[in-house]
Protein backbone atom coordinates (compact mmCIF):
# COMPACT_ATOMS: atom_id res chain seq x y z
CA MET A 1 136.38 47.87 -3.69
CA THR A 2 134.66 49.34 -6.76
CA GLN A 3 133.18 52.77 -6.07
CA GLU A 4 129.44 53.04 -6.58
CA VAL A 5 128.39 54.99 -9.66
CA TYR A 6 125.86 57.53 -8.43
CA HIS A 7 124.47 58.18 -11.91
CA ILE A 8 125.48 58.26 -15.58
CA PRO A 9 123.60 61.00 -17.47
CA ALA A 10 121.73 59.82 -20.55
CA LEU A 11 122.04 61.58 -23.90
CA LEU A 12 124.54 64.10 -22.50
CA PRO A 13 126.07 65.49 -25.74
CA GLN A 14 122.64 65.57 -27.36
CA SER A 15 121.21 67.47 -24.40
CA LEU A 16 123.91 70.13 -24.57
CA GLU A 17 123.33 70.51 -28.29
CA ALA A 18 119.58 70.70 -27.75
CA LEU A 19 119.98 73.54 -25.25
CA ASP A 20 122.44 75.37 -27.52
CA VAL A 21 124.37 76.43 -24.42
CA ARG A 22 126.05 79.82 -24.66
CA PRO A 23 128.60 81.11 -22.10
CA GLY A 24 126.51 84.08 -20.96
CA GLY A 25 123.13 82.35 -20.98
CA ILE A 26 120.79 81.50 -18.11
CA TYR A 27 119.84 77.84 -17.79
CA ILE A 28 117.83 75.57 -15.52
CA ASP A 29 118.41 71.89 -14.91
CA ALA A 30 115.11 70.91 -13.33
CA THR A 31 116.48 67.54 -12.19
CA LEU A 32 119.96 67.87 -10.67
CA GLY A 33 120.27 64.21 -9.57
CA GLY A 34 123.87 63.07 -9.77
CA GLY A 35 124.89 66.34 -11.40
CA GLY A 36 126.07 64.90 -14.72
CA HIS A 37 124.05 67.16 -16.98
CA SER A 38 124.45 70.15 -14.65
CA SER A 39 128.24 69.95 -14.39
CA ALA A 40 128.53 69.71 -18.18
CA ILE A 41 126.31 72.79 -18.65
CA ALA A 42 128.14 74.78 -15.96
CA ALA A 43 131.50 73.99 -17.58
CA LEU A 44 130.33 75.88 -20.68
CA LEU A 45 129.29 79.01 -18.76
CA SER A 46 131.28 82.13 -17.88
CA GLY A 47 130.75 85.79 -17.05
CA ASP A 48 127.05 86.49 -16.51
CA GLY A 49 126.09 82.93 -17.46
CA HIS A 50 124.36 80.94 -14.73
CA LEU A 51 122.79 77.56 -14.09
CA TYR A 52 120.13 76.88 -11.48
CA SER A 53 119.61 73.18 -10.75
CA ILE A 54 116.60 71.86 -8.83
CA ASP A 55 116.19 68.65 -6.87
CA GLN A 56 113.79 67.58 -4.12
CA ASP A 57 116.25 65.03 -2.71
CA SER A 58 118.40 66.60 0.01
CA GLU A 59 121.10 64.01 -0.72
CA ALA A 60 121.43 65.26 -4.31
CA ILE A 61 121.74 68.83 -3.05
CA ALA A 62 124.37 67.82 -0.47
CA ARG A 63 126.43 66.11 -3.19
CA ALA A 64 126.18 69.04 -5.61
CA PHE A 65 129.40 70.31 -7.15
CA SER A 66 130.76 73.84 -6.77
CA HIS A 67 131.06 76.31 -9.65
CA PRO A 68 130.90 80.13 -9.75
CA CYS A 69 128.10 79.97 -12.34
CA PHE A 70 126.02 77.38 -10.49
CA THR A 71 123.29 77.49 -7.82
CA PRO A 72 121.62 74.32 -6.47
CA VAL A 73 117.96 74.72 -5.46
CA HIS A 74 116.35 72.32 -2.98
CA GLY A 75 112.78 71.84 -4.10
CA ASN A 76 110.36 70.19 -6.53
CA PHE A 77 110.32 71.32 -10.16
CA ARG A 78 106.53 71.58 -9.96
CA PHE A 79 107.22 74.97 -8.30
CA LEU A 80 109.54 76.13 -11.08
CA GLU A 81 108.10 79.63 -11.42
CA ASN A 82 108.40 80.25 -7.66
CA TYR A 83 112.15 79.71 -7.93
CA THR A 84 112.60 81.79 -11.08
CA ASP A 85 110.59 84.63 -9.54
CA TYR A 86 112.83 84.48 -6.44
CA PHE A 87 116.00 84.71 -8.54
CA GLY A 88 114.49 87.34 -10.83
CA ILE A 89 114.89 85.28 -14.00
CA THR A 90 111.27 84.55 -15.03
CA GLY A 91 111.02 85.23 -18.77
CA LYS A 92 114.80 85.47 -19.09
CA VAL A 93 115.83 81.80 -19.23
CA ASP A 94 117.68 80.56 -22.33
CA GLY A 95 117.16 76.86 -21.74
CA ILE A 96 115.51 74.33 -19.44
CA LEU A 97 116.51 70.67 -19.18
CA ALA A 98 114.62 67.94 -17.33
CA ASP A 99 115.83 64.34 -17.15
CA LEU A 100 112.87 62.42 -15.74
CA GLY A 101 114.83 59.27 -14.97
CA VAL A 102 115.65 57.95 -11.51
CA SER A 103 119.31 58.14 -10.43
CA PHE A 104 121.26 54.88 -10.34
CA HIS A 105 121.83 55.53 -6.65
CA HIS A 106 118.12 55.43 -5.91
CA PHE A 107 117.72 52.07 -7.63
CA ASP A 108 120.89 50.62 -6.13
CA ASP A 109 120.36 51.81 -2.55
CA ALA A 110 118.06 49.16 -1.04
CA SER A 111 117.11 51.49 1.82
CA ARG A 112 115.30 53.80 -0.61
CA GLY A 113 112.99 50.98 -1.74
CA PHE A 114 112.87 51.76 -5.47
CA SER A 115 113.83 48.35 -6.85
CA PHE A 116 112.80 44.71 -6.61
CA ARG A 117 116.41 43.63 -7.08
CA ALA A 118 117.30 44.05 -3.39
CA ASP A 119 115.18 43.77 -0.26
CA GLY A 120 114.49 46.95 1.65
CA PRO A 121 111.67 49.04 3.09
CA LEU A 122 108.87 49.78 0.62
CA ASP A 123 109.56 53.50 0.54
CA MET A 124 110.11 55.06 -2.95
CA ARG A 125 110.05 58.69 -1.78
CA MET A 126 112.20 60.98 -3.92
CA ASN A 127 111.92 63.51 -1.12
CA PRO A 128 112.76 61.65 2.12
CA ARG A 129 110.87 64.34 4.06
CA ALA A 130 107.57 63.45 2.37
CA THR A 131 105.14 61.69 4.67
CA ARG A 132 103.55 59.02 2.43
CA THR A 133 105.57 55.96 1.42
CA ALA A 134 104.76 53.19 -1.04
CA ALA A 135 103.97 50.93 1.92
CA ASP A 136 101.39 53.47 3.12
CA ILE A 137 99.64 53.40 -0.25
CA VAL A 138 99.60 49.60 -0.38
CA ALA A 139 98.24 49.52 3.17
CA THR A 140 95.41 52.02 2.69
CA ALA A 141 94.25 52.12 -0.95
CA ASP A 142 91.24 50.00 -1.87
CA VAL A 143 91.14 47.45 -4.70
CA ASP A 144 89.74 49.92 -7.23
CA GLU A 145 92.40 52.53 -6.43
CA LEU A 146 95.23 50.01 -6.65
CA THR A 147 93.81 48.55 -9.86
CA SER A 148 93.65 51.97 -11.48
CA MET A 149 97.21 52.74 -10.39
CA PHE A 150 98.67 49.51 -11.80
CA LYS A 151 96.62 49.71 -14.98
CA ILE A 152 97.32 53.37 -15.80
CA TYR A 153 100.87 53.84 -14.52
CA GLY A 154 102.14 50.28 -14.86
CA GLU A 155 100.10 49.22 -17.91
CA LEU A 156 99.65 45.77 -16.32
CA LYS A 157 97.12 43.27 -17.67
CA GLN A 158 96.62 41.59 -14.29
CA ALA A 159 96.17 44.86 -12.42
CA ARG A 160 92.97 43.90 -10.56
CA LYS A 161 94.25 40.48 -9.50
CA LEU A 162 97.43 42.05 -8.18
CA ALA A 163 95.45 44.73 -6.35
CA ALA A 164 93.20 42.12 -4.73
CA ALA A 165 96.20 40.07 -3.62
CA LEU A 166 97.82 43.10 -2.00
CA VAL A 167 94.64 43.95 -0.11
CA ALA A 168 94.31 40.32 1.01
CA ALA A 169 97.89 40.42 2.29
CA ARG A 170 96.90 43.01 4.89
CA ASP A 171 95.35 40.25 6.99
CA LYS A 172 98.73 38.51 7.07
CA GLY A 173 100.81 41.43 8.29
CA GLY A 174 100.72 43.61 5.20
CA VAL A 175 103.32 44.46 2.57
CA THR A 176 106.12 46.61 3.94
CA THR A 177 109.22 45.52 1.99
CA THR A 178 110.28 45.42 -1.64
CA ALA A 179 110.78 41.64 -1.43
CA GLN A 180 107.22 41.12 -0.21
CA LEU A 181 105.82 43.25 -3.02
CA ALA A 182 107.96 41.47 -5.62
CA GLU A 183 106.92 38.03 -4.32
CA ILE A 184 103.21 38.83 -4.60
CA ALA A 185 103.55 40.67 -7.92
CA SER A 186 105.53 37.81 -9.48
CA ARG A 187 102.37 35.67 -9.41
CA PHE A 188 100.64 38.03 -11.83
CA VAL A 189 103.33 38.77 -14.41
CA ASN A 190 104.33 36.97 -17.57
CA PRO A 191 107.31 34.72 -16.66
CA ALA A 192 108.91 35.51 -20.01
CA ARG A 193 108.79 39.23 -19.13
CA GLU A 194 109.12 38.97 -15.37
CA LYS A 195 111.80 41.63 -14.81
CA LYS A 196 110.16 44.13 -17.13
CA GLU A 197 106.71 43.69 -15.64
CA LEU A 198 107.98 43.75 -12.05
CA ALA A 199 109.70 47.02 -12.95
CA GLN A 200 106.32 48.30 -14.18
CA VAL A 201 104.72 47.38 -10.83
CA PHE A 202 107.36 49.35 -8.96
CA GLN A 203 107.14 52.19 -11.50
CA ALA A 204 103.40 52.55 -10.91
CA LEU A 205 103.84 52.84 -7.17
CA ARG A 206 106.76 55.26 -7.50
CA ILE A 207 104.75 57.54 -9.79
CA VAL A 208 101.91 57.73 -7.29
CA VAL A 209 104.13 58.14 -4.21
CA ASN A 210 105.90 61.11 -5.77
CA GLY A 211 102.97 62.57 -7.71
CA GLU A 212 105.17 62.45 -10.78
CA MET A 213 102.57 63.00 -13.49
CA GLU A 214 100.98 65.93 -11.68
CA ALA A 215 104.41 67.46 -11.05
CA LEU A 216 105.39 67.05 -14.71
CA GLU A 217 102.19 68.72 -15.89
CA ALA A 218 102.69 71.66 -13.52
CA PHE A 219 106.34 71.97 -14.60
CA LEU A 220 105.58 71.96 -18.32
CA ARG A 221 102.90 74.61 -17.99
CA GLN A 222 105.32 76.95 -16.20
CA CYS A 223 108.17 76.47 -18.68
CA VAL A 224 106.50 78.74 -21.24
CA SER A 225 106.46 81.79 -18.95
CA VAL A 226 109.94 81.06 -17.59
CA LEU A 227 111.65 80.82 -20.99
CA LYS A 228 112.41 83.89 -23.05
CA PRO A 229 111.48 83.93 -26.76
CA GLY A 230 113.89 81.61 -28.56
CA GLY A 231 114.61 79.72 -25.33
CA ARG A 232 114.85 75.94 -25.50
CA LEU A 233 113.00 73.24 -23.54
CA ALA A 234 114.65 69.79 -23.55
CA VAL A 235 113.04 66.85 -21.72
CA ILE A 236 114.30 63.28 -21.42
CA THR A 237 111.57 60.71 -20.72
CA TYR A 238 111.72 57.00 -19.92
CA HIS A 239 108.19 55.64 -20.26
CA SER A 240 105.28 56.18 -22.62
CA LEU A 241 103.04 58.09 -20.20
CA GLU A 242 105.45 60.93 -19.56
CA ASP A 243 106.72 60.92 -23.16
CA ARG A 244 103.16 61.32 -24.46
CA MET A 245 102.58 64.26 -22.13
CA VAL A 246 105.81 65.98 -23.20
CA LYS A 247 105.12 65.32 -26.89
CA ASN A 248 101.59 66.73 -26.62
CA PHE A 249 102.76 69.83 -24.78
CA MET A 250 105.59 70.61 -27.18
CA ARG A 251 103.27 70.16 -30.14
CA SER A 252 100.34 72.19 -28.90
CA GLY A 253 101.17 73.90 -25.61
CA ARG A 254 98.48 71.70 -24.04
CA ILE A 255 98.75 68.45 -22.08
CA ASP A 256 95.93 66.86 -24.09
CA GLY A 257 97.72 67.68 -27.35
CA GLU A 258 94.79 69.56 -28.90
CA VAL A 259 96.12 72.22 -31.24
CA GLU A 260 94.23 75.49 -30.93
CA LYS A 261 94.09 77.72 -34.01
CA ASP A 262 93.28 81.36 -34.63
CA LEU A 263 90.75 82.73 -37.14
CA PHE A 264 93.28 82.29 -39.94
CA GLY A 265 93.95 78.63 -39.13
CA ARG A 266 97.36 79.29 -37.60
CA SER A 267 98.45 77.27 -34.59
CA SER A 268 98.51 79.22 -31.35
CA SER A 269 101.02 76.90 -29.70
CA PRO A 270 103.68 78.84 -27.75
CA LEU A 271 106.34 76.29 -28.72
CA LYS A 272 107.90 74.96 -31.90
CA GLN A 273 109.16 71.37 -31.95
CA LEU A 274 112.71 71.18 -33.29
CA SER A 275 112.34 67.55 -34.29
CA SER A 276 109.25 65.51 -35.08
CA LYS A 277 110.86 62.38 -33.63
CA PRO A 278 112.61 61.98 -30.27
CA ILE A 279 116.38 61.71 -30.02
CA VAL A 280 117.42 58.30 -28.66
CA PRO A 281 120.73 56.76 -27.54
CA ASP A 282 122.90 55.08 -30.13
CA ASP A 283 124.20 51.53 -29.77
CA ALA A 284 127.47 52.69 -28.22
CA GLU A 285 125.71 54.58 -25.43
CA ILE A 286 123.34 51.71 -24.71
CA GLU A 287 126.28 49.31 -24.47
CA ALA A 288 128.11 51.65 -22.07
CA ASN A 289 124.97 52.52 -20.11
CA PRO A 290 122.18 49.93 -20.55
CA ARG A 291 119.84 51.98 -18.37
CA SER A 292 119.73 54.64 -21.07
CA ARG A 293 117.97 52.21 -23.43
CA SER A 294 114.50 53.70 -22.96
CA ALA A 295 115.57 57.36 -22.89
CA LYS A 296 113.90 59.75 -25.35
CA LEU A 297 114.90 63.39 -25.71
CA ARG A 298 112.40 65.89 -27.10
CA VAL A 299 113.26 69.53 -27.79
CA ALA A 300 111.15 72.62 -28.45
CA GLU A 301 111.75 76.35 -28.76
CA LYS A 302 109.60 79.13 -27.36
CA LEU A 303 108.11 81.30 -30.12
């Protein structure tokens, strides 16, 4: 039997180069996941060097590797500064990495409810201890709320029709499984783009269930105080909403992207982008790991 691949890290060599990992440095992997990026960073550390890796999924923490320069942290990266204060490293961190993708395991494990490719409970919680599932949202949100969710986070043209159909389904027992959601959603997607648009439906729900955009905003704001001058921030995104937020923040230090200037016309941004364009996978990586196709790595340095 072929062993399940828990996760293949995207843009791994590029991420290590972006962080400019040094043996004695202090680093944070804000998204431990399958541990691919973290184990590669830890392998480069020695002496006083240390890596702290955060994940809200208890399963990721339980699977974490062991290394003398490594500490797994069970929590959400939206509370980044709480953790760095606890470990006494706020303002001393040399590099922070965040890979905003979902682990292969989450997509492939039907019981987690992240994918339309296999039937399972409509769950989608990154943190299994969280109380609200995707099924709860579908069962309680009104048409306007669902429409806004699918339009903003899924960028779907038929958002209102889909929302109305989901609300109507409540009278017939509701929508509690991934197969039920996929069956209803398939009526409102372009047949030529069915898989992509179904993925966008599930993406929208997942973002709301896990408060992903709010968590990302909170995380980015805290990175500035956590990094030391010259420290690097590297973020891998997978869809336009989060990429736009990261790009704006790295350019201006603000989520809205507005560049504030002093009396002399100089930018007051606390970060300097190290590349105007994102780093993307090459053809060889995409062939080996098709799920990396939409990955974009952006890198900035604290001034």
